[in-house]
């Protein structure tokens, strides 16, 4: 199984956009990395299943989306100080 670099970038951007939306609503929340991966996996599971993508193939993309979320969240926290 090869990982599509364009899809990785899109998933990273998805995580960043999700962080920005959540930060506007919940600026004081804290998200452990494992929780963020679970949230991303859950958010992506149904569309992935509809596209015929199994959970094992989805995992790297969920992790990249979570990394994008965490990076953006930390950046937003620093900017808010």
PDB file of N, CA and C in Angstrom:
ATOM      1  N   UNK A   1       0.849  -1.177   0.000  1.00  0.00           N
ATOM      2  CA  UNK A   1       0.000   0.000   0.000  1.00  0.00           C
ATOM      3  C   UNK A   1       0.893   1.237   0.000  1.00  0.00           C
ATOM      4  N   UNK A   2       0.703   2.102  -0.959  1.00  0.00           N
ATOM      5  CA  UNK A   2       1.464   3.351  -0.988  1.00  0.00           C
ATOM      6  C   UNK A   2       0.584   4.484  -0.473  1.00  0.00           C
ATOM      7  N   UNK A   3       1.236   5.432   0.169  1.00  0.00           N
ATOM      8  CA  UNK A   3       0.520   6.570   0.737  1.00  0.00           C
ATOM      9  C   UNK A   3       0.632   7.734  -0.234  1.00  0.00           C
ATOM     10  N   UNK A   4      -0.492   8.288  -0.586  1.00  0.00           N
ATOM     11  CA  UNK A   4      -0.574   9.381  -1.552  1.00  0.00           C
ATOM     12  C   UNK A   4      -0.155  10.694  -0.880  1.00  0.00           C
ATOM     13  N   UNK A   5       0.925  11.342  -1.340  1.00  0.00           N
ATOM     14  CA  UNK A   5       1.373  12.581  -0.705  1.00  0.00           C
ATOM     15  C   UNK A   5       0.358  13.719  -0.802  1.00  0.00           C
ATOM     16  N   UNK A   6      -0.399  13.766  -1.875  1.00  0.00           N
ATOM     17  CA  UNK A   6      -1.426  14.797  -2.008  1.00  0.00           C
ATOM     18  C   UNK A   6      -2.522  14.579  -0.966  1.00  0.00           C
ATOM     19  N   UNK A   7      -2.911  13.341  -0.767  1.00  0.00           N
ATOM     20  CA  UNK A   7      -3.932  13.031   0.244  1.00  0.00           C
ATOM     21  C   UNK A   7      -3.411  13.352   1.637  1.00  0.00           C
ATOM     22  N   UNK A   8      -2.139  13.091   1.881  1.00  0.00           N
ATOM     23  CA  UNK A   8      -1.566  13.432   3.183  1.00  0.00           C
ATOM     24  C   UNK A   8      -1.653  14.925   3.435  1.00  0.00           C
ATOM     25  N   UNK A   9      -1.312  15.717   2.440  1.00  0.00           N
ATOM     26  CA  UNK A   9      -1.379  17.176   2.584  1.00  0.00           C
ATOM     27  C   UNK A   9      -2.811  17.633   2.841  1.00  0.00           C
ATOM     28  N   UNK A  10      -3.755  17.050   2.137  1.00  0.00           N
ATOM     29  CA  UNK A  10      -5.163  17.425   2.327  1.00  0.00           C
ATOM     30  C   UNK A  10      -5.655  17.053   3.724  1.00  0.00           C
ATOM     31  N   UNK A  11      -5.215  15.911   4.225  1.00  0.00           N
ATOM     32  CA  UNK A  11      -5.626  15.505   5.566  1.00  0.00           C
ATOM     33  C   UNK A  11      -4.978  16.393   6.629  1.00  0.00           C
ATOM     34  N   UNK A  12      -3.746  16.792   6.404  1.00  0.00           N
ATOM     35  CA  UNK A  12      -3.080  17.721   7.321  1.00  0.00           C
ATOM     36  C   UNK A  12      -3.846  19.046   7.354  1.00  0.00           C
ATOM     37  N   UNK A  13      -4.231  19.535   6.191  1.00  0.00           N
ATOM     38  CA  UNK A  13      -5.008  20.774   6.100  1.00  0.00           C
ATOM     39  C   UNK A  13      -6.372  20.619   6.767  1.00  0.00           C
ATOM     40  N   UNK A  14      -6.987  19.458   6.606  1.00  0.00           N
ATOM     41  CA  UNK A  14      -8.262  19.174   7.265  1.00  0.00           C
ATOM     42  C   UNK A  14      -8.113  19.305   8.780  1.00  0.00           C
ATOM     43  N   UNK A  15      -7.044  18.740   9.326  1.00  0.00           N
ATOM     44  CA  UNK A  15      -6.786  18.838  10.760  1.00  0.00           C
ATOM     45  C   UNK A  15      -6.573  20.271  11.195  1.00  0.00           C
ATOM     46  N   UNK A  16      -5.849  21.031  10.394  1.00  0.00           N
ATOM     47  CA  UNK A  16      -5.604  22.437  10.724  1.00  0.00           C
ATOM     48  C   UNK A  16      -6.894  23.237  10.714  1.00  0.00           C
ATOM     49  N   UNK A  17      -7.725  23.019   9.717  1.00  0.00           N
ATOM     50  CA  UNK A  17      -9.002  23.729   9.631  1.00  0.00           C
ATOM     51  C   UNK A  17      -9.916  23.368  10.798  1.00  0.00           C
ATOM     52  N   UNK A  18      -9.912  22.095  11.169  1.00  0.00           N
ATOM     53  CA  UNK A  18     -10.727  21.660  12.300  1.00  0.00           C
ATOM     54  C   UNK A  18     -10.252  22.332  13.586  1.00  0.00           C
ATOM     55  N   UNK A  19      -8.942  22.462  13.755  1.00  0.00           N
ATOM     56  CA  UNK A  19      -8.395  23.127  14.944  1.00  0.00           C
ATOM     57  C   UNK A  19      -8.829  24.585  14.991  1.00  0.00           C
ATOM     58  N   UNK A  20      -8.775  25.249  13.864  1.00  0.00           N
ATOM     59  CA  UNK A  20      -9.167  26.658  13.822  1.00  0.00           C
ATOM     60  C   UNK A  20     -10.646  26.841  14.166  1.00  0.00           C
ATOM     61  N   UNK A  21     -11.503  25.962  13.657  1.00  0.00           N
ATOM     62  CA  UNK A  21     -12.933  26.041  13.978  1.00  0.00           C
ATOM     63  C   UNK A  21     -13.177  25.778  15.464  1.00  0.00           C
ATOM     64  N   UNK A  22     -12.515  24.739  15.990  1.00  0.00           N
ATOM     65  CA  UNK A  22     -12.718  24.402  17.395  1.00  0.00           C
ATOM     66  C   UNK A  22     -12.134  25.460  18.317  1.00  0.00           C
ATOM     67  N   UNK A  23     -11.039  26.072  17.919  1.00  0.00           N
ATOM     68  CA  UNK A  23     -10.421  27.085  18.772  1.00  0.00           C
ATOM     69  C   UNK A  23     -11.327  28.293  18.941  1.00  0.00           C
ATOM     70  N   UNK A  24     -12.029  28.650  17.882  1.00  0.00           N
ATOM     71  CA  UNK A  24     -12.976  29.772  17.982  1.00  0.00           C
ATOM     72  C   UNK A  24     -14.086  29.467  18.985  1.00  0.00           C
ATOM     73  N   UNK A  25     -14.499  28.206  19.051  1.00  0.00           N
ATOM     74  CA  UNK A  25     -15.587  27.809  19.941  1.00  0.00           C
ATOM     75  C   UNK A  25     -15.108  27.464  21.357  1.00  0.00           C
ATOM     76  N   UNK A  26     -13.967  26.808  21.445  1.00  0.00           N
ATOM     77  CA  UNK A  26     -13.492  26.280  22.732  1.00  0.00           C
ATOM     78  C   UNK A  26     -12.015  26.617  22.952  1.00  0.00           C
ATOM     79  N   UNK A  27     -11.683  27.881  23.124  1.00  0.00           N
ATOM     80  CA  UNK A  27     -10.271  28.275  23.193  1.00  0.00           C
ATOM     81  C   UNK A  27      -9.518  27.773  24.421  1.00  0.00           C
ATOM     82  N   UNK A  28     -10.208  27.345  25.457  1.00  0.00           N
ATOM     83  CA  UNK A  28      -9.511  26.894  26.661  1.00  0.00           C
ATOM     84  C   UNK A  28      -9.397  25.378  26.755  1.00  0.00           C
ATOM     85  N   UNK A  29      -9.936  24.660  25.800  1.00  0.00           N
ATOM     86  CA  UNK A  29      -9.859  23.194  25.833  1.00  0.00           C
ATOM     87  C   UNK A  29      -8.441  22.708  25.600  1.00  0.00           C
ATOM     88  N   UNK A  30      -8.175  21.515  26.111  1.00  0.00           N
ATOM     89  CA  UNK A  30      -6.883  20.858  25.891  1.00  0.00           C
ATOM     90  C   UNK A  30      -7.170  19.468  25.331  1.00  0.00           C
ATOM     91  N   UNK A  31      -6.416  19.073  24.337  1.00  0.00           N
ATOM     92  CA  UNK A  31      -6.643  17.798  23.673  1.00  0.00           C
ATOM     93  C   UNK A  31      -5.369  16.953  23.687  1.00  0.00           C
ATOM     94  N   UNK A  32      -5.345  15.833  24.421  1.00  0.00           N
ATOM     95  CA  UNK A  32      -4.207  14.918  24.347  1.00  0.00           C
ATOM     96  C   UNK A  32      -4.108  14.327  22.930  1.00  0.00           C
ATOM     97  N   UNK A  33      -2.888  14.024  22.516  1.00  0.00           N
ATOM     98  CA  UNK A  33      -2.668  13.532  21.148  1.00  0.00           C
ATOM     99  C   UNK A  33      -3.487  12.280  20.838  1.00  0.00           C
ATOM    100  N   UNK A  34      -3.572  11.348  21.770  1.00  0.00           N
ATOM    101  CA  UNK A  34      -4.323  10.109  21.518  1.00  0.00           C
ATOM    102  C   UNK A  34      -5.800  10.401  21.288  1.00  0.00           C
ATOM    103  N   UNK A  35      -6.336  11.368  21.989  1.00  0.00           N
ATOM    104  CA  UNK A  35      -7.744  11.738  21.827  1.00  0.00           C
ATOM    105  C   UNK A  35      -7.962  12.363  20.444  1.00  0.00           C
ATOM    106  N   UNK A  36      -7.020  13.193  20.014  1.00  0.00           N
ATOM    107  CA  UNK A  36      -7.144  13.837  18.703  1.00  0.00           C
ATOM    108  C   UNK A  36      -7.115  12.786  17.596  1.00  0.00           C
ATOM    109  N   UNK A  37      -6.241  11.799  17.713  1.00  0.00           N
ATOM    110  CA  UNK A  37      -6.198  10.727  16.699  1.00  0.00           C
ATOM    111  C   UNK A  37      -7.533   9.996  16.666  1.00  0.00           C
ATOM    112  N   UNK A  38      -8.086   9.696  17.831  1.00  0.00           N
ATOM    113  CA  UNK A  38      -9.393   9.023  17.879  1.00  0.00           C
ATOM    114  C   UNK A  38     -10.486   9.865  17.241  1.00  0.00           C
ATOM    115  N   UNK A  39     -10.474  11.170  17.522  1.00  0.00           N
ATOM    116  CA  UNK A  39     -11.480  12.070  16.946  1.00  0.00           C
ATOM    117  C   UNK A  39     -11.360  12.090  15.420  1.00  0.00           C
ATOM    118  N   UNK A  40     -10.143  12.195  14.925  1.00  0.00           N
ATOM    119  CA  UNK A  40      -9.927  12.232  13.470  1.00  0.00           C
ATOM    120  C   UNK A  40     -10.352  10.913  12.830  1.00  0.00           C
ATOM    121  N   UNK A  41      -9.969   9.826  13.464  1.00  0.00           N
ATOM    122  CA  UNK A  41     -10.333   8.511  12.932  1.00  0.00           C
ATOM    123  C   UNK A  41     -11.847   8.382  12.855  1.00  0.00           C
ATOM    124  N   UNK A  42     -12.540   8.780  13.926  1.00  0.00           N
ATOM    125  CA  UNK A  42     -14.007   8.698  13.937  1.00  0.00           C
ATOM    126  C   UNK A  42     -14.632   9.611  12.883  1.00  0.00           C
ATOM    127  N   UNK A  43     -14.080  10.814  12.731  1.00  0.00           N
ATOM    128  CA  UNK A  43     -14.624  11.765  11.756  1.00  0.00           C
ATOM    129  C   UNK A  43     -14.442  11.271  10.324  1.00  0.00           C
ATOM    130  N   UNK A  44     -13.377  10.530  10.097  1.00  0.00           N
ATOM    131  CA  UNK A  44     -13.054  10.102   8.735  1.00  0.00           C
ATOM    132  C   UNK A  44     -13.578   8.708   8.397  1.00  0.00           C
ATOM    133  N   UNK A  45     -14.017   7.961   9.381  1.00  0.00           N
ATOM    134  CA  UNK A  45     -14.357   6.559   9.171  1.00  0.00           C
ATOM    135  C   UNK A  45     -15.507   6.349   8.188  1.00  0.00           C
ATOM    136  N   UNK A  46     -16.591   7.074   8.349  1.00  0.00           N
ATOM    137  CA  UNK A  46     -17.747   6.872   7.475  1.00  0.00           C
ATOM    138  C   UNK A  46     -17.453   7.255   6.022  1.00  0.00           C
ATOM    139  N   UNK A  47     -16.871   8.456   5.772  1.00  0.00           N
ATOM    140  CA  UNK A  47     -16.548   8.770   4.372  1.00  0.00           C
ATOM    141  C   UNK A  47     -15.533   7.790   3.768  1.00  0.00           C
ATOM    142  N   UNK A  48     -14.593   7.332   4.586  1.00  0.00           N
ATOM    143  CA  UNK A  48     -13.600   6.372   4.084  1.00  0.00           C
ATOM    144  C   UNK A  48     -14.275   5.054   3.730  1.00  0.00           C
ATOM    145  N   UNK A  49     -15.185   4.602   4.578  1.00  0.00           N
ATOM    146  CA  UNK A  49     -15.898   3.354   4.304  1.00  0.00           C
ATOM    147  C   UNK A  49     -16.720   3.477   3.030  1.00  0.00           C
ATOM    148  N   UNK A  50     -17.346   4.628   2.836  1.00  0.00           N
ATOM    149  CA  UNK A  50     -18.121   4.853   1.610  1.00  0.00           C
ATOM    150  C   UNK A  50     -17.235   4.791   0.369  1.00  0.00           C
ATOM    151  N   UNK A  51     -15.973   5.184   0.537  1.00  0.00           N
ATOM    152  CA  UNK A  51     -15.032   5.163  -0.583  1.00  0.00           C
ATOM    153  C   UNK A  51     -14.301   3.823  -0.694  1.00  0.00           C
ATOM    154  N   UNK A  52     -14.632   2.887   0.183  1.00  0.00           N
ATOM    155  CA  UNK A  52     -14.013   1.563   0.127  1.00  0.00           C
ATOM    156  C   UNK A  52     -12.640   1.504   0.781  1.00  0.00           C
ATOM    157  N   UNK A  53     -12.366   2.425   1.683  1.00  0.00           N
ATOM    158  CA  UNK A  53     -11.077   2.461   2.372  1.00  0.00           C
ATOM    159  C   UNK A  53     -11.256   1.825   3.744  1.00  0.00           C
ATOM    160  N   UNK A  54     -10.465   0.813   4.031  1.00  0.00           N
ATOM    161  CA  UNK A  54     -10.555   0.122   5.309  1.00  0.00           C
ATOM    162  C   UNK A  54      -9.848   0.878   6.420  1.00  0.00           C
ATOM    163  N   UNK A  55     -10.064   0.414   7.640  1.00  0.00           N
ATOM    164  CA  UNK A  55      -9.518   1.113   8.803  1.00  0.00           C
ATOM    165  C   UNK A  55      -7.986   1.083   8.838  1.00  0.00           C
ATOM    166  N   UNK A  56      -7.381   0.015   8.356  1.00  0.00           N
ATOM    167  CA  UNK A  56      -5.906  -0.047   8.349  1.00  0.00           C
ATOM    168  C   UNK A  56      -5.322   0.961   7.375  1.00  0.00           C
ATOM    169  N   UNK A  57      -5.954   1.142   6.245  1.00  0.00           N
ATOM    170  CA  UNK A  57      -5.483   2.118   5.261  1.00  0.00           C
ATOM    171  C   UNK A  57      -5.765   3.542   5.716  1.00  0.00           C
ATOM    172  N   UNK A  58      -6.778   3.716   6.535  1.00  0.00           N
ATOM    173  CA  UNK A  58      -7.165   5.046   7.015  1.00  0.00           C
ATOM    174  C   UNK A  58      -6.219   5.567   8.097  1.00  0.00           C
ATOM    175  N   UNK A  59      -5.603   4.668   8.849  1.00  0.00           N
ATOM    176  CA  UNK A  59      -4.815   5.059  10.022  1.00  0.00           C
ATOM    177  C   UNK A  59      -3.735   6.105   9.745  1.00  0.00           C
ATOM    178  N   UNK A  60      -2.899   5.964   8.706  1.00  0.00           N
ATOM    179  CA  UNK A  60      -1.879   6.999   8.488  1.00  0.00           C
ATOM    180  C   UNK A  60      -2.485   8.373   8.199  1.00  0.00           C
ATOM    181  N   UNK A  61      -3.602   8.391   7.520  1.00  0.00           N
ATOM    182  CA  UNK A  61      -4.242   9.658   7.202  1.00  0.00           C
ATOM    183  C   UNK A  61      -4.862  10.289   8.455  1.00  0.00           C
ATOM    184  N   UNK A  62      -5.429   9.459   9.338  1.00  0.00           N
ATOM    185  CA  UNK A  62      -5.972   9.968  10.602  1.00  0.00           C
ATOM    186  C   UNK A  62      -4.855  10.556  11.454  1.00  0.00           C
ATOM    187  N   UNK A  63      -3.699   9.903  11.462  1.00  0.00           N
ATOM    188  CA  UNK A  63      -2.565  10.407  12.247  1.00  0.00           C
ATOM    189  C   UNK A  63      -2.035  11.728  11.682  1.00  0.00           C
ATOM    190  N   UNK A  64      -2.002  11.839  10.370  1.00  0.00           N
ATOM    191  CA  UNK A  64      -1.545  13.089   9.745  1.00  0.00           C
ATOM    192  C   UNK A  64      -2.545  14.213  10.029  1.00  0.00           C
ATOM    193  N   UNK A  65      -3.831  13.910   9.947  1.00  0.00           N
ATOM    194  CA  UNK A  65      -4.844  14.921  10.261  1.00  0.00           C
ATOM    195  C   UNK A  65      -4.731  15.352  11.722  1.00  0.00           C
ATOM    196  N   UNK A  66      -4.486  14.396  12.604  1.00  0.00           N
ATOM    197  CA  UNK A  66      -4.313  14.718  14.024  1.00  0.00           C
ATOM    198  C   UNK A  66      -3.077  15.585  14.237  1.00  0.00           C
ATOM    199  N   UNK A  67      -2.003  15.286  13.525  1.00  0.00           N
ATOM    200  CA  UNK A  67      -0.784  16.098  13.640  1.00  0.00           C
ATOM    201  C   UNK A  67      -1.043  17.522  13.172  1.00  0.00           C
ATOM    202  N   UNK A  68      -1.793  17.672  12.094  1.00  0.00           N
ATOM    203  CA  UNK A  68      -2.150  19.004  11.616  1.00  0.00           C
ATOM    204  C   UNK A  68      -2.989  19.752  12.639  1.00  0.00           C
ATOM    205  N   UNK A  69      -3.915  19.044  13.280  1.00  0.00           N
ATOM    206  CA  UNK A  69      -4.750  19.645  14.314  1.00  0.00           C
ATOM    207  C   UNK A  69      -3.885  20.110  15.485  1.00  0.00           C
ATOM    208  N   UNK A  70      -3.018  19.240  15.964  1.00  0.00           N
ATOM    209  CA  UNK A  70      -2.201  19.558  17.145  1.00  0.00           C
ATOM    210  C   UNK A  70      -1.259  20.717  16.862  1.00  0.00           C
ATOM    211  N   UNK A  71      -0.626  20.718  15.707  1.00  0.00           N
ATOM    212  CA  UNK A  71       0.267  21.836  15.361  1.00  0.00           C
ATOM    213  C   UNK A  71      -0.488  23.159  15.305  1.00  0.00           C
ATOM    214  N   UNK A  72      -1.640  23.140  14.650  1.00  0.00           N
ATOM    215  CA  UNK A  72      -2.432  24.368  14.530  1.00  0.00           C
ATOM    216  C   UNK A  72      -2.943  24.808  15.900  1.00  0.00           C
ATOM    217  N   UNK A  73      -3.362  23.863  16.727  1.00  0.00           N
ATOM    218  CA  UNK A  73      -3.877  24.193  18.053  1.00  0.00           C
ATOM    219  C   UNK A  73      -2.785  24.866  18.888  1.00  0.00           C
ATOM    220  N   UNK A  74      -1.592  24.306  18.866  1.00  0.00           N
ATOM    221  CA  UNK A  74      -0.474  24.899  19.621  1.00  0.00           C
ATOM    222  C   UNK A  74      -0.130  26.298  19.103  1.00  0.00           C
ATOM    223  N   UNK A  75      -0.168  26.463  17.790  1.00  0.00           N
ATOM    224  CA  UNK A  75       0.101  27.771  17.203  1.00  0.00           C
ATOM    225  C   UNK A  75      -0.955  28.781  17.649  1.00  0.00           C
ATOM    226  N   UNK A  76      -2.208  28.377  17.649  1.00  0.00           N
ATOM    227  CA  UNK A  76      -3.289  29.255  18.073  1.00  0.00           C
ATOM    228  C   UNK A  76      -3.183  29.607  19.554  1.00  0.00           C
ATOM    229  N   UNK A  77      -2.796  28.626  20.374  1.00  0.00           N
ATOM    230  CA  UNK A  77      -2.604  28.896  21.799  1.00  0.00           C
ATOM    231  C   UNK A  77      -1.493  29.916  22.028  1.00  0.00           C
ATOM    232  N   UNK A  78      -0.386  29.761  21.322  1.00  0.00           N
ATOM    233  CA  UNK A  78       0.722  30.719  21.457  1.00  0.00           C
ATOM    234  C   UNK A  78       0.296  32.108  21.013  1.00  0.00           C
ATOM    235  N   UNK A  79      -0.453  32.201  19.943  1.00  0.00           N
ATOM    236  CA  UNK A  79      -0.884  33.490  19.425  1.00  0.00           C
ATOM    237  C   UNK A  79      -1.885  34.168  20.367  1.00  0.00           C
ATOM    238  N   UNK A  80      -2.650  33.379  21.103  1.00  0.00           N
ATOM    239  CA  UNK A  80      -3.666  33.933  22.007  1.00  0.00           C
ATOM    240  C   UNK A  80      -3.065  34.497  23.292  1.00  0.00           C
ATOM    241  N   UNK A  81      -1.839  34.120  23.603  1.00  0.00           N
ATOM    242  CA  UNK A  81      -1.217  34.590  24.853  1.00  0.00           C
ATOM    243  C   UNK A  81      -0.831  36.016  24.795  1.00  0.00           C
TER     244      UNK A  81
END
